[in-house]
Amino acid sequence: MKRGFGALCSTAALVTALAAAAACEPIPVPGPIRHPVLLPEPAPPSAQWIVDLVGSLNTPPQCPKPTLPTLVVLDTDGRYRAMAFWLVDNFDVCYAIVNHNGEAPTTIWFTAIEDLVPRTPMPTDTTAGVDAYAFTAYRGQVDDIEVSGDTGHIVSPVHHRTIDLGAGDLGGGDLVTFAEYHYRIPPTGKPLSIALCTPTGTCRDAH
């Protein structure tokens, strides 16, 4: 009888010890899930020259080579200049400022989408007198983004595209609007005063 009682007490002590040890173990918290983002339509066949040009260049190691089904072209003259982006997944984006006209080389960047959302768009070039592009993003669907300030140096209006980052295995609903504008730096190198404004009245410095 005493032997049985001793075995029971030992078992109870072992269970208590295991429970205490388990209580000290950190509980794993599921991290954010990355997944591919499916675009509703590919870039048009006329954008193949952008795919070919960017694909022939050295890209950041995190960036896959773009294809027509993954590319979004926000601005292009159809021959020499373009601003395009492609998503690595629902967290990261690669974008290219294409200049095939001799003024400056094509440049490719990799960045987290979350870093684009609050950021003042950085100029892609600071050389006086050249054309440049800036790229930024907004949470949600944002339409009718306008440029205010030194509009005389804006080459084209703001182009934007809303992407559903949840359009993968997790379903939809995570909207981000990517926006771009094309401007020309004054020949004197004088700083520009440019702001991007949304229909709600909110503006962000854009240069």
Protein backbone atom coordinates (compact mmCIF):
# COMPACT_ATOMS: atom_id res chain seq x y z
CA MET A 1 0.00 0.00 0.00
CA LYS A 2 2.78 2.36 0.94
CA ARG A 3 4.65 1.44 -2.25
CA GLY A 4 1.60 2.31 -4.36
CA PHE A 5 1.17 5.63 -2.57
CA GLY A 6 4.83 6.43 -3.14
CA ALA A 7 4.49 5.74 -6.88
CA LEU A 8 1.46 8.02 -7.06
CA CYS A 9 3.29 10.84 -5.28
CA SER A 10 6.27 10.46 -7.60
CA THR A 11 4.03 10.64 -10.64
CA ALA A 12 2.28 13.73 -9.30
CA ALA A 13 5.65 15.39 -8.58
CA LEU A 14 6.83 14.62 -12.13
CA VAL A 15 3.69 16.12 -13.66
CA THR A 16 4.09 19.23 -11.49
CA ALA A 17 7.73 19.61 -12.52
CA LEU A 18 6.92 19.23 -16.20
CA ALA A 19 4.13 21.77 -15.94
CA ALA A 20 6.44 24.24 -14.22
CA ALA A 21 9.09 23.71 -16.92
CA ALA A 22 6.53 24.18 -19.65
CA ALA A 23 5.37 27.41 -18.03
CA CYS A 24 8.91 28.76 -18.38
CA GLU A 25 9.14 27.92 -22.07
CA PRO A 26 8.41 30.84 -24.45
CA ILE A 27 5.15 30.38 -26.31
CA PRO A 28 5.79 30.66 -30.06
CA VAL A 29 3.81 33.48 -31.67
CA PRO A 30 2.96 32.98 -35.35
CA GLY A 31 4.76 35.54 -37.49
CA PRO A 32 3.42 37.30 -40.57
CA ILE A 33 2.80 34.96 -43.46
CA ARG A 34 4.37 35.83 -46.79
CA HIS A 35 2.63 34.78 -49.97
CA PRO A 36 2.72 35.63 -53.67
CA VAL A 37 0.42 38.39 -54.87
CA LEU A 38 -1.67 37.65 -57.93
CA LEU A 39 -2.21 40.60 -60.24
CA PRO A 40 -5.60 40.73 -61.96
CA GLU A 41 -4.01 41.35 -65.36
CA PRO A 42 -0.50 41.27 -66.85
CA ALA A 43 1.36 44.26 -68.22
CA PRO A 44 0.54 44.81 -71.92
CA PRO A 45 2.76 43.26 -74.60
CA SER A 46 4.07 46.76 -75.36
CA ALA A 47 5.92 46.60 -72.03
CA GLN A 48 8.07 43.67 -73.14
CA TRP A 49 10.99 46.03 -73.81
CA ILE A 50 10.96 47.00 -70.12
CA VAL A 51 10.97 43.34 -69.07
CA ASP A 52 13.84 42.58 -71.45
CA LEU A 53 15.90 45.59 -70.41
CA VAL A 54 15.46 45.15 -66.67
CA GLY A 55 15.96 41.39 -66.97
CA SER A 56 19.34 41.93 -68.61
CA LEU A 57 20.63 44.06 -65.74
CA ASN A 58 21.95 43.21 -62.31
CA THR A 59 19.06 43.39 -59.87
CA PRO A 60 19.21 43.38 -56.05
CA PRO A 61 19.54 39.77 -54.86
CA GLN A 62 16.09 39.92 -53.26
CA CYS A 63 14.43 40.83 -56.56
CA PRO A 64 13.21 38.19 -58.98
CA LYS A 65 13.38 39.10 -62.65
CA PRO A 66 10.14 40.76 -63.75
CA THR A 67 7.76 39.23 -66.28
CA LEU A 68 4.70 40.65 -67.99
CA PRO A 69 2.36 38.84 -65.53
CA THR A 70 4.21 40.34 -62.54
CA LEU A 71 5.01 43.83 -63.86
CA VAL A 72 3.02 47.00 -63.24
CA VAL A 73 3.96 49.92 -65.49
CA LEU A 74 2.99 53.25 -63.96
CA ASP A 75 4.61 55.55 -66.51
CA THR A 76 6.32 55.13 -69.87
CA ASP A 77 7.00 56.94 -73.10
CA GLY A 78 6.90 53.56 -74.82
CA ARG A 79 10.50 53.65 -75.92
CA TYR A 80 13.11 55.19 -73.62
CA ARG A 81 11.67 55.99 -70.22
CA ALA A 82 9.51 54.10 -67.78
CA MET A 83 8.72 53.65 -64.13
CA ALA A 84 7.57 50.14 -63.24
CA PHE A 85 7.37 47.87 -60.21
CA TRP A 86 6.86 44.22 -59.40
CA LEU A 87 6.02 42.59 -56.08
CA VAL A 88 8.32 40.09 -54.42
CA ASP A 89 5.42 39.08 -52.15
CA ASN A 90 2.87 40.83 -49.94
CA PHE A 91 5.67 42.51 -47.95
CA ASP A 92 8.36 43.62 -50.39
CA VAL A 93 8.48 45.37 -53.75
CA CYS A 94 11.09 45.98 -56.44
CA TYR A 95 10.89 48.97 -58.74
CA ALA A 96 12.83 50.29 -61.69
CA ILE A 97 13.42 53.74 -63.06
CA VAL A 98 14.15 53.00 -66.70
CA ASN A 99 16.22 55.50 -68.63
CA HIS A 100 17.36 54.15 -71.96
CA ASN A 101 18.20 57.51 -73.45
CA GLY A 102 21.75 58.09 -72.26
CA GLU A 103 21.19 60.66 -69.49
CA ALA A 104 21.33 58.22 -66.61
CA PRO A 105 21.39 54.44 -66.30
CA THR A 106 18.39 52.36 -65.40
CA THR A 107 18.25 51.89 -61.64
CA ILE A 108 16.52 49.12 -59.70
CA TRP A 109 15.56 49.22 -56.03
CA PHE A 110 14.26 46.76 -53.43
CA THR A 111 12.25 47.99 -50.43
CA ALA A 112 9.65 46.92 -47.90
CA ILE A 113 6.17 48.16 -48.79
CA GLU A 114 5.70 49.40 -45.22
CA ASP A 115 8.75 51.62 -45.65
CA LEU A 116 7.18 53.25 -48.71
CA VAL A 117 3.88 54.12 -47.05
CA PRO A 118 5.04 56.83 -44.61
CA ARG A 119 8.01 58.02 -46.63
CA THR A 120 8.53 61.29 -48.44
CA PRO A 121 9.32 60.08 -51.96
CA MET A 122 13.03 60.32 -52.54
CA PRO A 123 14.27 61.69 -55.86
CA THR A 124 15.90 59.11 -58.09
CA ASP A 125 18.29 61.69 -59.43
CA THR A 126 19.51 65.06 -58.26
CA THR A 127 21.30 66.13 -61.44
CA ALA A 128 20.23 69.61 -62.53
CA GLY A 129 18.12 69.64 -65.67
CA VAL A 130 17.37 65.91 -65.90
CA ASP A 131 14.09 64.02 -65.73
CA ALA A 132 13.45 62.06 -62.56
CA TYR A 133 10.75 59.89 -61.04
CA ALA A 134 9.58 59.39 -57.48
CA PHE A 135 7.73 56.38 -56.07
CA THR A 136 5.61 56.07 -52.94
CA ALA A 137 2.61 54.16 -51.54
CA TYR A 138 -0.57 54.70 -49.54
CA ARG A 139 -2.59 52.31 -47.42
CA GLY A 140 -5.99 51.54 -48.90
CA GLN A 141 -7.44 52.60 -52.23
CA VAL A 142 -6.53 56.22 -52.92
CA ASP A 143 -7.74 57.89 -56.11
CA ASP A 144 -7.17 61.32 -57.63
CA ILE A 145 -3.76 62.00 -56.12
CA GLU A 146 -2.59 65.42 -57.26
CA VAL A 147 0.65 67.37 -57.22
CA SER A 148 0.77 70.85 -55.73
CA GLY A 149 3.60 73.36 -55.45
CA ASP A 150 6.14 73.75 -58.25
CA THR A 151 3.85 72.15 -60.82
CA GLY A 152 5.73 73.81 -63.68
CA HIS A 153 8.40 71.12 -63.28
CA ILE A 154 5.97 68.19 -63.39
CA VAL A 155 6.26 66.29 -66.66
CA SER A 156 3.16 64.14 -66.21
CA PRO A 157 0.38 63.81 -63.62
CA VAL A 158 0.52 61.29 -60.81
CA HIS A 159 0.00 57.72 -61.98
CA HIS A 160 -1.17 55.16 -59.46
CA ARG A 161 -2.36 51.59 -59.15
CA THR A 162 -4.14 49.91 -56.25
CA ILE A 163 -3.05 46.35 -55.53
CA ASP A 164 -4.76 43.85 -53.24
CA LEU A 165 -1.84 42.39 -51.29
CA GLY A 166 -4.18 39.80 -49.82
CA ALA A 167 -4.95 38.38 -53.26
CA GLY A 168 -3.22 35.09 -52.59
CA ASP A 169 -3.88 32.12 -50.35
CA LEU A 170 -5.21 34.40 -47.60
CA GLY A 171 -7.94 36.05 -49.62
CA GLY A 172 -8.39 39.78 -50.30
CA GLY A 173 -8.80 43.02 -48.46
CA ASP A 174 -5.26 44.34 -47.92
CA LEU A 175 -5.20 47.26 -50.35
CA VAL A 176 -2.16 49.43 -51.07
CA THR A 177 -2.01 52.20 -53.67
CA PHE A 178 1.37 52.67 -55.34
CA ALA A 179 1.93 56.11 -56.85
CA GLU A 180 4.54 57.73 -59.06
CA TYR A 181 5.18 61.12 -60.56
CA HIS A 182 7.60 62.29 -63.26
CA TYR A 183 9.27 65.65 -62.87
CA ARG A 184 12.20 67.63 -64.20
CA ILE A 185 14.86 69.04 -61.92
CA PRO A 186 15.48 72.73 -62.60
CA PRO A 187 18.64 73.45 -64.63
CA THR A 188 19.94 75.57 -61.77
CA GLY A 189 19.53 72.72 -59.31
CA LYS A 190 17.15 74.88 -57.28
CA PRO A 191 15.23 72.83 -54.70
CA LEU A 192 11.65 72.05 -55.63
CA SER A 193 8.61 72.45 -53.42
CA ILE A 194 6.24 69.62 -54.32
CA ALA A 195 3.46 67.95 -52.35
CA LEU A 196 1.19 65.02 -53.12
CA CYS A 197 -2.38 65.64 -52.01
CA THR A 198 -5.29 63.21 -51.75
CA PRO A 199 -9.03 63.96 -52.06
CA THR A 200 -9.35 63.89 -48.25
CA GLY A 201 -7.17 66.98 -48.08
CA THR A 202 -4.09 65.31 -46.65
CA CYS A 203 -0.78 66.19 -48.30
CA ARG A 204 2.72 64.83 -47.96
CA ASP A 205 5.96 66.44 -48.98
CA ALA A 206 7.02 64.91 -52.27
CA HIS A 207 10.55 66.11 -52.82
